[in-house]
Amino acid sequence: MPKIDIDKAPTRFGTAYPPPYDEPCRGRRRWQLGDAGGLSQFGVNLMRLPPGQWSSQRHWHTHEDEFVWIVEGEVVLVTDDGEQVLRAGDCAAFPAGAPDGHHLQNRSDREAVLLEVGSRRPAEDACDYPDLDMLTDPATDLYLHRDGTPYPAK
């Protein structure tokens, strides 16, 4: 496999979250390196997280493991147990099925860069956002209220 040209990798800006939950994640940018390399069993993303932005809303996955490694800068990991500062070289893991909502916040004045690695099980995986009235449904790939009502499409 040839070297992956990061500049040519598929890129995603912001988030698909419904408003107003998209607000703190609008500035994030992800280079989908796993897609660029043709990987199908797990995803690999390089994320740039500007100051004041979040990696995601706090969430946990039913069927997908997640791993993050901080490449540059500093972020705050927020979980059910509280907050921890992660700096370049630090990493964290989130096993599938462990109901511990987590996300990263860039509270510094510098951009943070991190590598995300995770399983790809979209047909089985649901995502729970414990701080919000929001879930994902693997059957429809929609954001839903806890009562099952879908959020309006973006």
N, C-alpha and C. Protein backbone atom coordinates (compact mmCIF):
# COMPACT_ATOMS: atom_id res chain seq x y z
N MET A 1 0.85 -1.18 0.00
CA MET A 1 0.00 0.00 0.00
C MET A 1 0.89 1.24 0.00
N PRO A 2 0.63 2.14 -0.91
CA PRO A 2 1.44 3.36 -0.93
C PRO A 2 1.11 4.28 0.25
N LYS A 3 2.02 5.20 0.46
CA LYS A 3 1.83 6.20 1.52
C LYS A 3 0.52 6.95 1.29
N ILE A 4 -0.20 7.23 2.36
CA ILE A 4 -1.44 7.98 2.26
C ILE A 4 -1.11 9.47 2.23
N ASP A 5 -1.62 10.16 1.22
CA ASP A 5 -1.45 11.60 1.11
C ASP A 5 -2.57 12.25 1.92
N ILE A 6 -2.24 12.75 3.09
CA ILE A 6 -3.25 13.31 3.98
C ILE A 6 -4.03 14.43 3.30
N ASP A 7 -3.36 15.22 2.48
CA ASP A 7 -4.04 16.33 1.80
C ASP A 7 -5.10 15.85 0.81
N LYS A 8 -5.01 14.60 0.38
CA LYS A 8 -5.99 14.06 -0.57
C LYS A 8 -7.01 13.13 0.11
N ALA A 9 -6.87 12.94 1.41
CA ALA A 9 -7.81 12.07 2.14
C ALA A 9 -9.17 12.75 2.22
N PRO A 10 -10.26 11.97 2.23
CA PRO A 10 -11.59 12.57 2.42
C PRO A 10 -11.60 13.38 3.72
N THR A 11 -12.24 14.53 3.67
CA THR A 11 -12.27 15.44 4.81
C THR A 11 -13.70 15.78 5.18
N ARG A 12 -13.96 15.83 6.48
CA ARG A 12 -15.29 16.23 6.98
C ARG A 12 -15.11 17.42 7.91
N PHE A 13 -15.91 18.43 7.69
CA PHE A 13 -15.92 19.62 8.54
C PHE A 13 -17.16 19.59 9.41
N GLY A 14 -17.03 20.02 10.65
CA GLY A 14 -18.20 20.14 11.50
C GLY A 14 -18.78 18.80 11.89
N THR A 15 -20.11 18.76 11.99
CA THR A 15 -20.81 17.58 12.48
C THR A 15 -22.19 17.48 11.85
N ALA A 16 -22.77 16.31 11.92
CA ALA A 16 -24.15 16.10 11.44
C ALA A 16 -25.16 16.25 12.57
N TYR A 17 -24.71 16.57 13.78
CA TYR A 17 -25.65 16.74 14.89
C TYR A 17 -26.74 17.75 14.54
N PRO A 18 -27.94 17.53 15.02
CA PRO A 18 -29.00 18.52 14.81
C PRO A 18 -28.73 19.76 15.67
N PRO A 19 -29.17 20.92 15.20
CA PRO A 19 -29.05 22.13 16.03
C PRO A 19 -29.87 21.96 17.31
N PRO A 20 -29.46 22.49 18.39
CA PRO A 20 -28.26 23.31 18.62
C PRO A 20 -27.04 22.49 19.02
N TYR A 21 -27.15 21.17 18.97
CA TYR A 21 -26.07 20.30 19.46
C TYR A 21 -24.83 20.33 18.57
N ASP A 22 -24.98 20.86 17.36
CA ASP A 22 -23.85 20.96 16.44
C ASP A 22 -22.90 22.11 16.79
N GLU A 23 -23.39 23.09 17.51
CA GLU A 23 -22.65 24.34 17.77
C GLU A 23 -21.21 24.13 18.26
N PRO A 24 -20.96 23.37 19.35
CA PRO A 24 -19.59 23.29 19.86
C PRO A 24 -18.65 22.44 19.01
N CYS A 25 -19.18 21.81 17.95
CA CYS A 25 -18.35 20.92 17.12
C CYS A 25 -18.20 21.44 15.69
N ARG A 26 -18.73 22.61 15.39
CA ARG A 26 -18.72 23.12 14.02
C ARG A 26 -17.32 23.36 13.47
N GLY A 27 -16.37 23.67 14.34
CA GLY A 27 -15.02 24.01 13.87
C GLY A 27 -14.09 22.83 13.71
N ARG A 28 -14.51 21.65 14.09
CA ARG A 28 -13.61 20.49 14.00
C ARG A 28 -13.46 20.07 12.54
N ARG A 29 -12.31 19.49 12.24
CA ARG A 29 -12.05 18.99 10.89
C ARG A 29 -11.41 17.62 11.01
N ARG A 30 -11.94 16.66 10.22
CA ARG A 30 -11.43 15.28 10.26
C ARG A 30 -10.94 14.86 8.87
N TRP A 31 -9.72 14.34 8.84
CA TRP A 31 -9.21 13.69 7.64
C TRP A 31 -9.42 12.20 7.85
N GLN A 32 -10.16 11.57 6.97
CA GLN A 32 -10.53 10.16 7.11
C GLN A 32 -9.44 9.28 6.50
N LEU A 33 -8.41 9.05 7.29
CA LEU A 33 -7.23 8.33 6.81
C LEU A 33 -7.52 6.86 6.55
N GLY A 34 -8.36 6.25 7.36
CA GLY A 34 -8.74 4.85 7.13
C GLY A 34 -9.44 4.68 5.80
N ASP A 35 -10.34 5.60 5.48
CA ASP A 35 -11.02 5.56 4.18
C ASP A 35 -10.02 5.74 3.04
N ALA A 36 -9.09 6.68 3.22
CA ALA A 36 -8.09 6.92 2.18
C ALA A 36 -7.23 5.69 1.94
N GLY A 37 -7.02 4.88 2.98
CA GLY A 37 -6.22 3.67 2.85
C GLY A 37 -7.02 2.43 2.51
N GLY A 38 -8.34 2.58 2.33
CA GLY A 38 -9.18 1.45 1.97
C GLY A 38 -9.53 0.52 3.12
N LEU A 39 -9.39 0.97 4.36
CA LEU A 39 -9.71 0.12 5.52
C LEU A 39 -11.22 -0.04 5.67
N SER A 40 -11.64 -1.24 6.02
CA SER A 40 -13.08 -1.49 6.20
C SER A 40 -13.43 -1.99 7.60
N GLN A 41 -12.47 -2.48 8.36
CA GLN A 41 -12.76 -3.06 9.68
C GLN A 41 -12.72 -2.03 10.80
N PHE A 42 -11.94 -0.97 10.61
CA PHE A 42 -11.89 0.10 11.61
C PHE A 42 -11.58 1.42 10.91
N GLY A 43 -11.98 2.49 11.56
CA GLY A 43 -11.74 3.82 11.02
C GLY A 43 -10.57 4.49 11.72
N VAL A 44 -9.89 5.35 10.98
CA VAL A 44 -8.80 6.15 11.51
C VAL A 44 -9.00 7.57 11.02
N ASN A 45 -9.08 8.50 11.94
CA ASN A 45 -9.26 9.91 11.59
C ASN A 45 -8.19 10.75 12.25
N LEU A 46 -7.69 11.74 11.51
CA LEU A 46 -6.84 12.77 12.08
C LEU A 46 -7.73 13.98 12.28
N MET A 47 -7.87 14.44 13.51
CA MET A 47 -8.77 15.56 13.81
C MET A 47 -7.98 16.78 14.25
N ARG A 48 -8.37 17.91 13.70
CA ARG A 48 -7.87 19.21 14.16
C ARG A 48 -9.01 19.87 14.91
N LEU A 49 -8.73 20.25 16.14
CA LEU A 49 -9.75 20.80 17.03
C LEU A 49 -9.33 22.20 17.47
N PRO A 50 -9.97 23.23 16.89
CA PRO A 50 -9.61 24.61 17.25
C PRO A 50 -9.95 24.93 18.71
N PRO A 51 -9.35 25.99 19.24
CA PRO A 51 -9.69 26.41 20.61
C PRO A 51 -11.20 26.63 20.75
N GLY A 52 -11.72 26.18 21.89
CA GLY A 52 -13.14 26.36 22.19
C GLY A 52 -14.05 25.31 21.59
N GLN A 53 -13.52 24.40 20.80
CA GLN A 53 -14.35 23.39 20.13
C GLN A 53 -14.29 22.05 20.86
N TRP A 54 -15.30 21.23 20.59
CA TRP A 54 -15.41 19.89 21.17
C TRP A 54 -15.22 18.85 20.06
N SER A 55 -14.72 17.68 20.44
CA SER A 55 -14.60 16.57 19.49
C SER A 55 -15.98 16.04 19.11
N SER A 56 -16.92 16.10 20.05
CA SER A 56 -18.27 15.55 19.87
C SER A 56 -19.11 16.00 21.05
N GLN A 57 -20.37 15.65 21.03
CA GLN A 57 -21.16 15.71 22.25
C GLN A 57 -20.74 14.50 23.09
N ARG A 58 -20.94 14.58 24.39
CA ARG A 58 -20.59 13.44 25.24
C ARG A 58 -21.46 12.25 24.84
N HIS A 59 -20.81 11.09 24.60
CA HIS A 59 -21.52 9.93 24.05
C HIS A 59 -20.81 8.64 24.43
N TRP A 60 -21.49 7.52 24.16
CA TRP A 60 -20.87 6.19 24.24
C TRP A 60 -21.53 5.30 23.20
N HIS A 61 -20.77 4.28 22.76
CA HIS A 61 -21.21 3.37 21.69
C HIS A 61 -21.56 1.99 22.24
N THR A 62 -22.61 1.40 21.69
CA THR A 62 -23.00 0.05 22.12
C THR A 62 -22.10 -1.04 21.54
N HIS A 63 -21.59 -0.85 20.30
CA HIS A 63 -20.86 -1.92 19.63
C HIS A 63 -19.54 -1.48 18.99
N GLU A 64 -19.09 -0.29 19.26
CA GLU A 64 -17.84 0.18 18.66
C GLU A 64 -16.86 0.65 19.73
N ASP A 65 -15.65 0.08 19.68
CA ASP A 65 -14.55 0.56 20.52
C ASP A 65 -14.05 1.88 19.95
N GLU A 66 -13.51 2.73 20.82
CA GLU A 66 -12.89 3.98 20.39
C GLU A 66 -11.55 4.15 21.11
N PHE A 67 -10.61 4.78 20.41
CA PHE A 67 -9.29 5.07 20.96
C PHE A 67 -8.87 6.44 20.43
N VAL A 68 -8.31 7.28 21.30
CA VAL A 68 -7.79 8.58 20.86
C VAL A 68 -6.37 8.75 21.38
N TRP A 69 -5.54 9.36 20.55
CA TRP A 69 -4.16 9.68 20.91
C TRP A 69 -3.94 11.14 20.58
N ILE A 70 -3.46 11.91 21.53
CA ILE A 70 -3.23 13.33 21.33
C ILE A 70 -1.86 13.51 20.67
N VAL A 71 -1.87 14.11 19.49
CA VAL A 71 -0.65 14.31 18.71
C VAL A 71 0.00 15.65 19.06
N GLU A 72 -0.82 16.70 19.13
CA GLU A 72 -0.34 18.05 19.46
C GLU A 72 -1.36 18.74 20.35
N GLY A 73 -0.86 19.61 21.20
CA GLY A 73 -1.75 20.44 22.00
C GLY A 73 -2.25 19.76 23.26
N GLU A 74 -3.39 20.29 23.74
CA GLU A 74 -3.96 19.84 25.01
C GLU A 74 -5.48 19.88 24.91
N VAL A 75 -6.12 18.86 25.46
CA VAL A 75 -7.58 18.80 25.51
C VAL A 75 -8.00 18.34 26.90
N VAL A 76 -9.27 18.52 27.20
CA VAL A 76 -9.83 18.03 28.45
C VAL A 76 -10.78 16.89 28.11
N LEU A 77 -10.50 15.72 28.67
CA LEU A 77 -11.36 14.56 28.52
C LEU A 77 -12.44 14.65 29.59
N VAL A 78 -13.70 14.67 29.17
CA VAL A 78 -14.83 14.74 30.09
C VAL A 78 -15.55 13.39 30.04
N THR A 79 -15.66 12.73 31.20
CA THR A 79 -16.36 11.44 31.30
C THR A 79 -17.33 11.50 32.48
N ASP A 80 -18.01 10.40 32.71
CA ASP A 80 -18.91 10.33 33.87
C ASP A 80 -18.15 10.52 35.18
N ASP A 81 -16.86 10.17 35.19
CA ASP A 81 -16.05 10.27 36.41
C ASP A 81 -15.43 11.64 36.62
N GLY A 82 -15.59 12.56 35.67
CA GLY A 82 -15.01 13.89 35.83
C GLY A 82 -14.17 14.28 34.63
N GLU A 83 -13.12 15.06 34.90
CA GLU A 83 -12.29 15.63 33.85
C GLU A 83 -10.83 15.28 34.06
N GLN A 84 -10.13 15.07 32.93
CA GLN A 84 -8.69 14.83 32.94
C GLN A 84 -8.08 15.60 31.78
N VAL A 85 -6.94 16.23 32.01
CA VAL A 85 -6.22 16.91 30.93
C VAL A 85 -5.39 15.87 30.19
N LEU A 86 -5.49 15.89 28.87
CA LEU A 86 -4.67 15.03 28.01
C LEU A 86 -3.77 15.94 27.17
N ARG A 87 -2.48 15.63 27.15
CA ARG A 87 -1.51 16.40 26.38
C ARG A 87 -0.87 15.51 25.32
N ALA A 88 -0.10 16.12 24.43
CA ALA A 88 0.57 15.38 23.37
C ALA A 88 1.25 14.14 23.95
N GLY A 89 0.96 13.00 23.34
CA GLY A 89 1.50 11.72 23.78
C GLY A 89 0.56 10.93 24.67
N ASP A 90 -0.46 11.58 25.21
CA ASP A 90 -1.44 10.88 26.04
C ASP A 90 -2.49 10.21 25.16
N CYS A 91 -3.12 9.17 25.69
CA CYS A 91 -4.17 8.48 24.95
C CYS A 91 -5.26 8.02 25.91
N ALA A 92 -6.40 7.66 25.32
CA ALA A 92 -7.53 7.16 26.11
C ALA A 92 -8.29 6.15 25.26
N ALA A 93 -8.93 5.19 25.93
CA ALA A 93 -9.69 4.14 25.24
C ALA A 93 -11.09 4.04 25.84
N PHE A 94 -12.05 3.73 24.96
CA PHE A 94 -13.45 3.64 25.36
C PHE A 94 -14.03 2.35 24.79
N PRO A 95 -14.13 1.30 25.61
CA PRO A 95 -14.64 0.01 25.14
C PRO A 95 -16.11 0.08 24.75
N ALA A 96 -16.46 -0.66 23.73
CA ALA A 96 -17.86 -0.77 23.30
C ALA A 96 -18.71 -1.28 24.45
N GLY A 97 -19.91 -0.72 24.56
CA GLY A 97 -20.86 -1.20 25.55
C GLY A 97 -20.68 -0.65 26.95
N ALA A 98 -19.59 0.09 27.20
CA ALA A 98 -19.37 0.69 28.52
C ALA A 98 -20.10 2.03 28.56
N PRO A 99 -21.16 2.14 29.35
CA PRO A 99 -21.99 3.35 29.33
C PRO A 99 -21.36 4.53 30.07
N ASP A 100 -20.22 4.97 29.57
CA ASP A 100 -19.49 6.10 30.14
C ASP A 100 -19.38 7.18 29.07
N GLY A 101 -20.30 8.14 29.11
CA GLY A 101 -20.27 9.21 28.12
C GLY A 101 -18.95 9.97 28.18
N HIS A 102 -18.39 10.27 27.01
CA HIS A 102 -17.08 10.90 26.94
C HIS A 102 -17.01 11.84 25.74
N HIS A 103 -16.16 12.83 25.85
CA HIS A 103 -15.77 13.67 24.72
C HIS A 103 -14.55 14.49 25.13
N LEU A 104 -13.99 15.19 24.15
CA LEU A 104 -12.81 16.02 24.37
C LEU A 104 -13.19 17.47 24.11
N GLN A 105 -12.72 18.35 24.96
CA GLN A 105 -12.93 19.79 24.79
C GLN A 105 -11.56 20.47 24.68
N ASN A 106 -11.42 21.35 23.71
CA ASN A 106 -10.20 22.14 23.61
C ASN A 106 -10.44 23.47 24.32
N ARG A 107 -9.98 23.54 25.54
CA ARG A 107 -10.13 24.76 26.35
C ARG A 107 -8.88 25.63 26.29
N SER A 108 -7.90 25.22 25.50
CA SER A 108 -6.64 25.96 25.41
C SER A 108 -6.77 27.08 24.36
N ASP A 109 -5.68 27.81 24.17
CA ASP A 109 -5.66 28.86 23.16
C ASP A 109 -4.95 28.41 21.89
N ARG A 110 -4.68 27.10 21.76
CA ARG A 110 -4.00 26.54 20.59
C ARG A 110 -4.82 25.41 20.00
N GLU A 111 -4.67 25.20 18.72
CA GLU A 111 -5.33 24.06 18.08
C GLU A 111 -4.76 22.76 18.64
N ALA A 112 -5.61 21.77 18.80
CA ALA A 112 -5.18 20.43 19.21
C ALA A 112 -5.32 19.50 18.01
N VAL A 113 -4.44 18.52 17.93
CA VAL A 113 -4.48 17.52 16.86
C VAL A 113 -4.53 16.16 17.53
N LEU A 114 -5.46 15.31 17.09
CA LEU A 114 -5.57 13.99 17.69
C LEU A 114 -5.87 12.94 16.63
N LEU A 115 -5.51 11.72 16.94
CA LEU A 115 -5.79 10.58 16.09
C LEU A 115 -6.89 9.78 16.75
N GLU A 116 -7.95 9.50 15.99
CA GLU A 116 -9.07 8.69 16.48
C GLU A 116 -9.05 7.36 15.74
N VAL A 117 -9.25 6.28 16.47
CA VAL A 117 -9.35 4.95 15.87
C VAL A 117 -10.60 4.30 16.46
N GLY A 118 -11.39 3.67 15.62
CA GLY A 118 -12.60 3.02 16.12
C GLY A 118 -13.10 1.92 15.22
N SER A 119 -13.82 0.98 15.83
CA SER A 119 -14.46 -0.11 15.08
C SER A 119 -15.46 0.47 14.09
N ARG A 120 -15.77 -0.34 13.08
CA ARG A 120 -16.82 0.04 12.13
C ARG A 120 -17.90 -1.03 12.18
N ARG A 121 -18.96 -0.75 12.93
CA ARG A 121 -20.08 -1.68 13.02
C ARG A 121 -21.39 -0.89 12.93
N PRO A 122 -21.55 -0.11 11.86
CA PRO A 122 -22.71 0.79 11.78
C PRO A 122 -24.06 0.08 11.78
N ALA A 123 -24.13 -1.14 11.32
CA ALA A 123 -25.42 -1.85 11.28
C ALA A 123 -25.87 -2.29 12.67
N GLU A 124 -24.94 -2.32 13.63
CA GLU A 124 -25.26 -2.78 14.99
C GLU A 124 -25.14 -1.69 16.04
N ASP A 125 -24.29 -0.72 15.78
CA ASP A 125 -23.94 0.26 16.81
C ASP A 125 -24.99 1.35 16.97
N ALA A 126 -25.39 1.55 18.20
CA ALA A 126 -26.21 2.71 18.58
C ALA A 126 -25.33 3.60 19.44
N CYS A 127 -25.66 4.86 19.46
CA CYS A 127 -24.89 5.82 20.24
C CYS A 127 -25.84 6.54 21.19
N ASP A 128 -25.43 6.65 22.43
CA ASP A 128 -26.24 7.32 23.45
C ASP A 128 -25.52 8.59 23.88
N TYR A 129 -26.26 9.68 23.95
CA TYR A 129 -25.75 10.98 24.38
C TYR A 129 -26.37 11.29 25.74
N PRO A 130 -25.70 10.90 26.84
CA PRO A 130 -26.34 10.93 28.16
C PRO A 130 -26.74 12.31 28.67
N ASP A 131 -26.12 13.38 28.16
CA ASP A 131 -26.45 14.72 28.62
C ASP A 131 -27.60 15.33 27.83
N LEU A 132 -28.03 14.65 26.77
CA LEU A 132 -29.00 15.21 25.84
C LEU A 132 -30.20 14.28 25.65
N ASP A 133 -31.23 14.80 25.09
CA ASP A 133 -32.37 14.00 24.65
C ASP A 133 -32.05 13.50 23.24
N MET A 134 -31.02 12.62 23.14
CA MET A 134 -30.58 12.20 21.81
C MET A 134 -29.94 10.82 21.85
N LEU A 135 -30.28 10.03 20.84
CA LEU A 135 -29.72 8.70 20.58
C LEU A 135 -29.52 8.58 19.07
N THR A 136 -28.74 7.58 18.64
CA THR A 136 -28.74 7.22 17.22
C THR A 136 -29.34 5.83 17.08
N ASP A 137 -29.92 5.60 15.93
CA ASP A 137 -30.57 4.33 15.62
C ASP A 137 -29.81 3.66 14.49
N PRO A 138 -29.22 2.47 14.73
CA PRO A 138 -28.45 1.83 13.66
C PRO A 138 -29.31 1.42 12.46
N ALA A 139 -30.58 1.19 12.66
CA ALA A 139 -31.45 0.77 11.56
C ALA A 139 -31.70 1.91 10.57
N THR A 140 -31.74 3.13 11.08
CA THR A 140 -32.07 4.27 10.22
C THR A 140 -30.94 5.27 10.07
N ASP A 141 -29.92 5.19 10.93
CA ASP A 141 -28.81 6.14 10.95
C ASP A 141 -29.31 7.56 11.20
N LEU A 142 -30.35 7.69 12.02
CA LEU A 142 -30.92 8.99 12.35
C LEU A 142 -30.63 9.35 13.80
N TYR A 143 -30.64 10.64 14.06
CA TYR A 143 -30.62 11.12 15.44
C TYR A 143 -32.05 11.15 15.92
N LEU A 144 -32.29 10.55 17.10
CA LEU A 144 -33.64 10.43 17.64
C LEU A 144 -33.72 11.03 19.03
N HIS A 145 -34.90 11.55 19.37
CA HIS A 145 -35.19 11.89 20.75
C HIS A 145 -35.34 10.57 21.51
N ARG A 146 -35.26 10.60 22.81
CA ARG A 146 -35.38 9.37 23.60
C ARG A 146 -36.74 8.71 23.45
N ASP A 147 -37.75 9.46 23.04
CA ASP A 147 -39.07 8.87 22.81
C ASP A 147 -39.19 8.24 21.42
N GLY A 148 -38.09 8.27 20.63
CA GLY A 148 -38.09 7.67 19.30
C GLY A 148 -38.41 8.62 18.17
N THR A 149 -38.81 9.83 18.47
CA THR A 149 -39.11 10.83 17.44
C THR A 149 -37.81 11.30 16.80
N PRO A 150 -37.73 11.30 15.46
CA PRO A 150 -36.49 11.75 14.82
C PRO A 150 -36.34 13.28 14.87
N TYR A 151 -35.09 13.70 14.95
CA TYR A 151 -34.78 15.12 14.79
C TYR A 151 -34.95 15.48 13.32
N PRO A 152 -35.29 16.72 13.01
CA PRO A 152 -35.39 17.12 11.60
C PRO A 152 -34.05 16.93 10.90
N ALA A 153 -34.10 16.52 9.64
CA ALA A 153 -32.87 16.35 8.85
C ALA A 153 -32.20 17.71 8.67
N LYS A 154 -30.88 17.69 8.68
CA LYS A 154 -30.11 18.92 8.51
C LYS A 154 -30.06 19.36 7.08
